[in-house]
Amino acid sequence: MTDVNQPAAHPPVTDWVHDFDHTDPQWTEDPFPIWDELRAASPVVHTKRFLGCYLPTTYEAVREIANDTEHFSSRRIIVRDVRPEVARNAAPPITSAPPEHKPAKQLLLPPFTPDAMKKLEPRVRAICNELIDEFIADGKVDAAARYSKYIPVRAIAHMLGIPENDSDLFINWIHMILELGIKDESKLLQAVQEMTGYFSGHIEARKNKPSDDLISYLMNARDKQGNPLEDSHVLGSLRLLLIAGIDTTWSAIGSSLWHLAKTPADRERLIAEPGLIPTAVEELLRAYSPVTMAREVVKETTVSGCPVKPGNMVLLSFPAAANRDPKMFPNADKVVIDRRENRHAAFGLGIHRCVGSNLARMEMQVALEEWLKRIPDFRLDPAGTVTWSQGTVRGPRQLPFLLGKAM
């Protein structure tokens, strides 16, 4: 018997242009040929799945939608099988619209300035080396499970003033929200409820004993009228920082290591020229951007000459449409680690461009620098399987490596 409470499985895609599905196993495993096919077909394609959804396929179409807050709402930022009512202060500022958006975003900018990141950098370097210490002698490692995912989760925990030991709790919530929750509403609600309970406890504790961390910073913040933020606003921002600050960067670090494991020439060049790593990070962000966001069509309009209608979602694919568009990037399908002209959209476009881009860049750079210093020789383990996450954020979830020179 089928459990009526279980989400229905999606049928396999047989016609990508008219029936795409970003959760299909084929898309998860190797999306690049699919993206090329869609871009060749039209600047905007549509599927009836997910209650109706458009996908812009070019940089220009993505830019147009990202900058248009009149016709496209950000109240829902994940394309899912259901569209329940959206709670107020769900995850400001990413779910906020003008005029509320600007003050909500400005509140979050000071803790993520380049100067603030310089102060955090020594802790991130220490985290990387603590993780490497745990497996370097083994001769092999799942780099996704034991390295890339723990760097951003422990760094954001450090910033928030919450125990780094709770990392696995945070990772599980993110898996439930960004992967399982696309097709199973109960998993998403469970994760949000648990996360809200967890952060509510930390907020209450700081009311009695303030501390020098990001939670206290938000609690001390004031709105335009000089009033403290509502607890719901603080909670929403904390949920956003935890979700947006972890899965995205761990996926980007994992994809970068995956590329270097299978491209020895690039790896050897970065070891010989460590000063090139910041430039390489920008190219790896472009080529393997982890994040696909969403918008909801709220007014009828056209995008690149294609009509779009209210009642549909939009899959705003920065990885596929924007950063792999050959009209924007010469040799868009090639990773060029010394690419100088690189106006990629890995951190989004428009008013919702990522608040934490300085943090993500620093974490990626430090993660690669520390890994390459200590593990210059590594390759994919032919006895293992690389697996990728499904849906909103794409990155390796299993990344089996052999460490040291091949025998």
Protein backbone atom coordinates (compact mmCIF):
# COMPACT_ATOMS: atom_id res chain seq x y z
CA MET A 1 0.00 0.00 0.00
CA THR A 2 1.10 3.58 -0.67
CA ASP A 3 1.33 5.85 2.35
CA VAL A 4 -1.06 8.74 1.60
CA ASN A 5 1.12 11.04 3.71
CA GLN A 6 4.15 10.46 1.51
CA PRO A 7 4.83 12.97 -1.28
CA ALA A 8 4.19 11.69 -4.80
CA ALA A 9 7.28 10.84 -6.82
CA HIS A 10 7.87 12.95 -9.91
CA PRO A 11 7.76 11.06 -13.21
CA PRO A 12 11.04 11.09 -15.15
CA VAL A 13 11.52 13.94 -17.63
CA THR A 14 11.30 12.97 -21.30
CA ASP A 15 11.00 16.48 -22.79
CA TRP A 16 13.25 18.99 -21.04
CA VAL A 17 12.14 22.02 -23.04
CA HIS A 18 8.42 21.67 -22.21
CA ASP A 19 8.54 19.67 -18.97
CA PHE A 20 11.77 20.47 -17.09
CA ASP A 21 12.26 19.39 -13.46
CA HIS A 22 15.29 20.62 -11.49
CA THR A 23 14.81 17.72 -9.03
CA ASP A 24 15.08 15.04 -11.72
CA PRO A 25 18.05 12.66 -11.13
CA GLN A 26 19.40 13.45 -14.61
CA TRP A 27 19.56 17.18 -13.73
CA THR A 28 21.13 16.39 -10.36
CA GLU A 29 23.86 14.18 -11.85
CA ASP A 30 24.83 16.16 -14.96
CA PRO A 31 22.83 19.33 -15.62
CA PHE A 32 25.21 20.97 -18.10
CA PRO A 33 23.90 19.37 -21.35
CA ILE A 34 20.32 20.06 -20.20
CA TRP A 35 21.12 23.74 -19.62
CA ASP A 36 22.60 24.00 -23.14
CA GLU A 37 19.50 22.37 -24.64
CA LEU A 38 17.15 24.75 -22.84
CA ARG A 39 19.14 27.85 -23.77
CA ALA A 40 19.14 26.82 -27.43
CA ALA A 41 15.35 26.40 -27.35
CA SER A 42 14.17 29.71 -25.85
CA PRO A 43 15.18 32.52 -23.45
CA VAL A 44 12.33 31.34 -21.17
CA VAL A 45 10.94 27.79 -20.90
CA HIS A 46 7.96 26.53 -18.89
CA THR A 47 6.86 23.39 -17.04
CA LYS A 48 3.48 22.45 -15.56
CA ARG A 49 5.29 20.79 -12.68
CA PHE A 50 5.46 22.59 -9.32
CA LEU A 51 2.02 24.13 -10.07
CA GLY A 52 3.55 25.95 -13.04
CA CYS A 53 7.10 27.29 -13.29
CA TYR A 54 9.20 29.31 -15.75
CA LEU A 55 12.96 29.02 -16.21
CA PRO A 56 14.91 31.90 -17.82
CA THR A 57 17.86 30.43 -19.73
CA THR A 58 20.07 33.48 -20.45
CA TYR A 59 22.03 35.96 -18.35
CA GLU A 60 19.91 38.82 -19.70
CA ALA A 61 16.60 37.12 -18.82
CA VAL A 62 17.82 36.32 -15.29
CA ARG A 63 19.04 39.90 -14.82
CA GLU A 64 15.71 41.28 -16.06
CA ILE A 65 13.71 39.22 -13.53
CA ALA A 66 16.11 39.79 -10.62
CA ASN A 67 15.81 43.56 -11.07
CA ASP A 68 12.02 43.62 -11.47
CA THR A 69 10.32 43.70 -8.06
CA GLU A 70 7.02 44.93 -9.52
CA HIS A 71 6.17 41.81 -11.54
CA PHE A 72 8.17 39.24 -9.53
CA SER A 73 7.84 38.71 -5.77
CA SER A 74 10.51 37.17 -3.53
CA ARG A 75 8.02 36.07 -0.86
CA ARG A 76 8.65 32.47 -1.98
CA ILE A 77 12.29 31.72 -2.70
CA ILE A 78 12.15 27.95 -3.29
CA VAL A 79 10.21 26.21 -6.08
CA ARG A 80 8.25 23.41 -4.43
CA ASP A 81 5.28 21.12 -5.04
CA VAL A 82 3.02 23.19 -2.77
CA ARG A 83 2.52 26.90 -2.09
CA PRO A 84 1.26 27.40 1.46
CA GLU A 85 0.66 30.85 2.93
CA VAL A 86 3.90 32.70 3.59
CA ALA A 87 4.59 33.75 7.17
CA ARG A 88 5.50 37.36 7.84
CA ASN A 89 9.22 37.84 8.57
CA ALA A 90 9.90 34.38 7.10
CA ALA A 91 13.55 35.15 6.34
CA PRO A 92 14.22 38.89 6.03
CA PRO A 93 15.71 40.47 3.96
CA ILE A 94 15.68 37.72 1.31
CA THR A 95 11.88 37.33 1.51
CA SER A 96 11.25 41.07 1.95
CA ALA A 97 10.02 43.47 -0.73
CA PRO A 98 10.58 47.22 -1.06
CA PRO A 99 10.30 49.37 1.00
CA GLU A 100 10.89 46.93 3.91
CA HIS A 101 13.76 45.21 2.13
CA LYS A 102 16.39 47.97 2.24
CA PRO A 103 16.42 48.60 6.02
CA ALA A 104 16.30 44.83 6.70
CA LYS A 105 19.33 44.29 4.45
CA GLN A 106 21.26 47.27 5.80
CA LEU A 107 20.96 45.82 9.30
CA LEU A 108 22.84 42.71 8.19
CA LEU A 109 25.66 44.39 6.25
CA PRO A 110 28.01 45.53 9.10
CA PRO A 111 28.81 42.01 10.44
CA PHE A 112 29.83 40.91 6.90
CA THR A 113 32.19 43.70 5.81
CA PRO A 114 35.68 42.82 4.51
CA ASP A 115 37.17 44.10 7.79
CA ALA A 116 34.85 41.86 9.83
CA MET A 117 35.91 38.90 7.67
CA LYS A 118 39.60 39.61 8.32
CA LYS A 119 38.90 39.26 12.05
CA LEU A 120 37.08 35.96 11.47
CA GLU A 121 39.68 34.53 9.08
CA PRO A 122 42.08 33.10 11.72
CA ARG A 123 39.22 31.06 13.22
CA VAL A 124 38.28 29.73 9.77
CA ARG A 125 41.92 28.73 9.10
CA ALA A 126 41.99 26.95 12.43
CA ILE A 127 38.72 25.12 11.61
CA CYS A 128 40.17 23.94 8.29
CA ASN A 129 43.31 22.58 9.96
CA GLU A 130 41.38 20.96 12.81
CA LEU A 131 39.30 19.11 10.20
CA ILE A 132 42.34 18.09 8.11
CA ASP A 133 44.08 16.80 11.26
CA GLU A 134 41.25 14.29 11.70
CA PHE A 135 41.78 12.47 8.37
CA ILE A 136 45.12 13.38 6.76
CA ALA A 137 46.83 10.23 8.05
CA ASP A 138 44.10 7.94 6.66
CA GLY A 139 45.16 8.21 3.01
CA LYS A 140 41.58 8.72 1.90
CA VAL A 141 38.57 10.83 2.85
CA ASP A 142 35.05 11.81 1.88
CA ALA A 143 35.94 15.50 1.51
CA ALA A 144 32.28 16.58 1.42
CA ALA A 145 31.34 14.76 4.62
CA ARG A 146 34.48 15.54 6.61
CA TYR A 147 35.78 18.84 5.28
CA SER A 148 33.73 21.13 3.03
CA LYS A 149 30.44 20.98 4.92
CA TYR A 150 31.90 21.65 8.36
CA ILE A 151 33.85 24.82 7.46
CA PRO A 152 30.89 27.17 6.90
CA VAL A 153 28.67 25.52 9.52
CA ARG A 154 31.29 25.96 12.25
CA ALA A 155 32.19 29.47 11.06
CA ILE A 156 28.58 30.71 11.15
CA ALA A 157 28.07 29.03 14.55
CA HIS A 158 31.14 30.92 15.79
CA MET A 159 29.69 34.21 14.48
CA LEU A 160 26.27 33.52 16.02
CA GLY A 161 27.76 32.55 19.37
CA ILE A 162 26.15 29.10 19.33
CA PRO A 163 28.00 25.81 19.95
CA GLU A 164 30.05 24.59 16.99
CA ASN A 165 29.27 21.10 18.35
CA ASP A 166 25.67 21.57 17.18
CA SER A 167 26.85 21.45 13.54
CA ASP A 168 25.12 18.16 12.71
CA LEU A 169 21.82 19.56 13.96
CA PHE A 170 22.10 22.53 11.60
CA ILE A 171 23.15 20.33 8.67
CA ASN A 172 20.11 18.10 9.18
CA TRP A 173 17.71 21.08 9.22
CA ILE A 174 19.20 22.39 5.99
CA HIS A 175 18.83 18.99 4.31
CA MET A 176 15.17 18.87 5.41
CA ILE A 177 14.42 22.40 4.18
CA LEU A 178 16.39 22.66 0.93
CA GLU A 179 16.14 19.06 -0.33
CA LEU A 180 13.47 16.94 1.36
CA GLY A 181 11.14 19.91 1.85
CA ILE A 182 10.77 20.53 -1.89
CA LYS A 183 8.51 17.48 -2.13
CA ASP A 184 7.56 16.88 1.52
CA GLU A 185 5.92 19.79 3.35
CA SER A 186 6.01 17.97 6.71
CA LYS A 187 9.84 17.75 6.65
CA LEU A 188 10.16 21.46 5.96
CA LEU A 189 7.72 22.40 8.73
CA GLN A 190 9.46 20.09 11.20
CA ALA A 191 12.86 21.65 10.47
CA VAL A 192 11.54 25.22 10.73
CA GLN A 193 9.79 24.39 14.01
CA GLU A 194 12.92 22.81 15.50
CA MET A 195 15.10 25.70 14.31
CA THR A 196 12.68 28.27 15.74
CA GLY A 197 12.68 26.50 19.11
CA TYR A 198 16.47 26.33 19.12
CA PHE A 199 16.99 30.03 18.33
CA SER A 200 14.17 31.17 20.64
CA GLY A 201 16.10 29.61 23.51
CA HIS A 202 19.26 31.51 22.54
CA ILE A 203 17.32 34.79 22.20
CA GLU A 204 15.80 34.35 25.68
CA ALA A 205 19.22 33.55 27.17
CA ARG A 206 20.69 36.75 25.73
CA LYS A 207 17.86 38.87 27.14
CA ASN A 208 19.27 38.01 30.57
CA LYS A 209 22.93 37.83 29.55
CA PRO A 210 23.87 39.75 26.35
CA SER A 211 27.03 38.67 24.54
CA ASP A 212 29.27 39.86 21.73
CA ASP A 213 27.84 37.80 18.87
CA LEU A 214 25.52 38.05 15.89
CA ILE A 215 22.39 37.07 17.84
CA SER A 216 22.96 39.89 20.35
CA TYR A 217 23.78 42.24 17.46
CA LEU A 218 20.36 41.59 15.92
CA MET A 219 18.62 41.91 19.28
CA ASN A 220 20.30 45.29 19.83
CA ALA A 221 19.42 46.55 16.34
CA ARG A 222 16.73 49.19 15.87
CA ASP A 223 14.25 49.78 13.06
CA LYS A 224 13.63 53.12 11.31
CA GLN A 225 11.46 54.28 14.20
CA GLY A 226 14.14 53.43 16.74
CA ASN A 227 12.29 50.39 18.07
CA PRO A 228 13.91 46.98 18.70
CA LEU A 229 13.23 44.36 16.04
CA GLU A 230 10.35 42.00 16.74
CA ASP A 231 11.45 38.56 17.90
CA SER A 232 9.93 37.15 14.68
CA HIS A 233 12.26 39.38 12.61
CA VAL A 234 15.31 38.31 14.62
CA LEU A 235 14.27 34.65 14.27
CA GLY A 236 13.70 35.01 10.52
CA SER A 237 17.11 36.60 10.00
CA LEU A 238 18.79 33.90 12.08
CA ARG A 239 17.08 31.18 10.02
CA LEU A 240 18.27 32.92 6.85
CA LEU A 241 21.87 33.23 8.07
CA LEU A 242 22.01 29.58 9.07
CA ILE A 243 20.43 28.26 5.86
CA ALA A 244 22.02 30.68 3.39
CA GLY A 245 25.39 30.70 5.11
CA ILE A 246 26.03 26.97 5.21
CA ASP A 247 24.80 24.82 2.33
CA THR A 248 25.76 27.35 -0.33
CA THR A 249 29.40 27.67 0.71
CA TRP A 250 29.95 24.02 1.58
CA SER A 251 28.65 23.17 -1.89
CA ALA A 252 30.97 25.72 -3.52
CA ILE A 253 34.01 24.45 -1.58
CA GLY A 254 33.11 20.84 -2.44
CA SER A 255 32.65 21.61 -6.15
CA SER A 256 35.99 23.43 -6.19
CA LEU A 257 37.81 20.47 -4.63
CA TRP A 258 36.01 18.11 -7.04
CA HIS A 259 37.26 20.20 -9.97
CA LEU A 260 40.84 20.27 -8.66
CA ALA A 261 40.80 16.52 -8.00
CA LYS A 262 39.94 15.79 -11.63
CA THR A 263 42.00 18.62 -13.16
CA PRO A 264 45.62 18.14 -12.04
CA ALA A 265 46.91 20.98 -14.24
CA ASP A 266 44.74 23.53 -12.40
CA ARG A 267 45.66 22.05 -9.02
CA GLU A 268 49.40 22.17 -9.77
CA ARG A 269 49.15 25.74 -11.01
CA LEU A 270 47.43 26.92 -7.82
CA ILE A 271 50.08 25.18 -5.71
CA ALA A 272 52.82 26.89 -7.75
CA GLU A 273 50.98 30.24 -7.81
CA PRO A 274 48.98 30.57 -4.58
CA GLY A 275 48.42 34.25 -5.36
CA LEU A 276 46.09 33.09 -8.15
CA ILE A 277 43.66 31.44 -5.70
CA PRO A 278 41.37 34.52 -5.29
CA THR A 279 40.98 34.76 -9.09
CA ALA A 280 40.41 31.00 -9.31
CA VAL A 281 37.74 31.23 -6.60
CA GLU A 282 35.77 33.69 -8.76
CA GLU A 283 35.96 31.32 -11.73
CA LEU A 284 34.99 28.30 -9.65
CA LEU A 285 32.03 30.31 -8.32
CA ARG A 286 31.00 31.09 -11.88
CA ALA A 287 31.44 27.58 -13.25
CA TYR A 288 29.91 25.72 -10.29
CA SER A 289 27.55 28.29 -8.75
CA PRO A 290 25.62 26.41 -6.09
CA VAL A 291 22.43 28.46 -5.75
CA THR A 292 19.18 28.50 -7.74
CA MET A 293 16.67 30.90 -6.20
CA ALA A 294 13.01 31.52 -7.04
CA ARG A 295 10.55 34.32 -7.66
CA GLU A 296 6.77 34.30 -7.97
CA VAL A 297 5.05 36.02 -10.90
CA VAL A 298 2.58 38.49 -9.41
CA LYS A 299 1.77 40.59 -12.54
CA GLU A 300 1.66 39.61 -16.19
CA THR A 301 4.69 40.80 -18.17
CA THR A 302 7.22 39.66 -20.76
CA VAL A 303 10.82 38.52 -20.29
CA SER A 304 13.11 38.64 -23.32
CA GLY A 305 9.96 38.78 -25.46
CA CYS A 306 8.35 35.76 -23.75
CA PRO A 307 5.03 36.23 -21.90
CA VAL A 308 4.94 35.18 -18.24
CA LYS A 309 1.71 34.92 -16.27
CA PRO A 310 0.79 35.26 -12.58
CA GLY A 311 0.21 32.03 -10.67
CA ASN A 312 3.55 30.63 -11.82
CA MET A 313 6.89 30.45 -10.07
CA VAL A 314 10.22 31.33 -11.68
CA LEU A 315 13.32 29.19 -11.21
CA LEU A 316 16.04 31.84 -11.17
CA SER A 317 19.03 29.74 -12.11
CA PHE A 318 22.21 31.71 -11.57
CA PRO A 319 24.34 28.58 -12.25
CA ALA A 320 22.67 27.54 -15.51
CA ALA A 321 21.24 30.58 -17.17
CA ALA A 322 23.44 33.43 -16.00
CA ASN A 323 26.91 32.00 -15.42
CA ARG A 324 27.04 29.52 -18.29
CA ASP A 325 25.69 31.92 -20.95
CA PRO A 326 28.24 32.02 -23.82
CA LYS A 327 27.03 35.50 -24.80
CA MET A 328 28.26 36.75 -21.43
CA PHE A 329 31.33 34.55 -20.91
CA PRO A 330 33.70 33.37 -23.68
CA ASN A 331 34.25 29.60 -23.34
CA ALA A 332 31.46 29.57 -20.78
CA ASP A 333 31.57 25.77 -20.46
CA LYS A 334 35.30 25.77 -19.63
CA VAL A 335 36.89 26.49 -16.25
CA VAL A 336 39.58 29.13 -16.85
CA ILE A 337 41.18 29.67 -13.44
CA ASP A 338 42.93 32.89 -14.50
CA ARG A 339 39.81 34.40 -16.14
CA ARG A 340 40.15 38.16 -15.58
CA GLU A 341 36.82 39.49 -16.86
CA ASN A 342 34.34 37.65 -14.67
CA ARG A 343 31.09 39.44 -13.85
CA HIS A 344 29.46 36.24 -12.61
CA ALA A 345 26.13 36.12 -10.79
CA ALA A 346 26.94 33.39 -8.25
CA PHE A 347 25.80 35.72 -5.45
CA GLY A 348 22.67 36.81 -7.28
CA LEU A 349 21.65 40.01 -9.05
CA GLY A 350 19.44 42.93 -8.06
CA ILE A 351 18.38 43.95 -4.56
CA HIS A 352 18.63 40.40 -3.18
CA ARG A 353 22.31 39.98 -3.99
CA CYS A 354 23.88 37.89 -1.21
CA VAL A 355 24.68 39.72 2.04
CA GLY A 356 27.32 37.13 2.92
CA SER A 357 29.40 37.22 -0.28
CA ASN A 358 32.51 38.45 1.60
CA LEU A 359 32.15 35.57 4.06
CA ALA A 360 31.70 32.97 1.30
CA ARG A 361 34.71 34.23 -0.67
CA MET A 362 36.92 34.22 2.42
CA GLU A 363 35.82 30.72 3.44
CA MET A 364 36.40 29.33 -0.06
CA GLN A 365 39.79 30.95 -0.37
CA VAL A 366 40.96 29.80 3.06
CA ALA A 367 39.54 26.28 2.56
CA LEU A 368 41.48 25.86 -0.71
CA GLU A 369 44.68 27.46 0.61
CA GLU A 370 44.83 25.27 3.71
CA TRP A 371 43.90 22.09 1.81
CA LEU A 372 46.49 22.65 -0.95
CA LYS A 373 49.22 23.49 1.60
CA ARG A 374 48.72 20.23 3.43
CA ILE A 375 47.29 17.93 0.74
CA PRO A 376 48.86 18.89 -2.60
CA ASP A 377 48.23 15.45 -4.10
CA PHE A 378 44.70 14.07 -4.20
CA ARG A 379 42.39 12.47 -6.72
CA LEU A 380 38.92 10.97 -6.99
CA ASP A 381 38.71 7.48 -5.52
CA PRO A 382 37.65 5.17 -8.39
CA ALA A 383 36.15 2.77 -5.84
CA GLY A 384 33.77 5.46 -4.58
CA THR A 385 30.89 7.47 -6.07
CA VAL A 386 30.46 11.23 -6.18
CA THR A 387 26.85 12.18 -5.40
CA TRP A 388 25.23 15.60 -5.73
CA SER A 389 22.48 17.38 -3.81
CA GLN A 390 19.10 17.91 -5.41
CA GLY A 391 17.07 21.04 -5.98
CA THR A 392 17.83 24.54 -4.73
CA VAL A 393 21.53 24.17 -3.92
CA ARG A 394 23.87 21.99 -5.99
CA GLY A 395 27.07 20.59 -4.56
CA PRO A 396 28.77 17.26 -3.88
CA ARG A 397 27.36 15.32 -0.94
CA GLN A 398 29.79 12.40 -1.28
CA LEU A 399 33.29 13.26 -2.50
CA PRO A 400 35.60 10.26 -2.05
CA PHE A 401 39.29 11.15 -2.46
CA LEU A 402 42.54 9.26 -2.29
CA LEU A 403 45.24 11.40 -0.67
CA GLY A 404 48.90 11.33 -1.72
CA LYS A 405 50.60 10.38 -4.95
CA ALA A 406 49.23 7.46 -6.97
CA MET A 407 51.23 4.26 -6.44
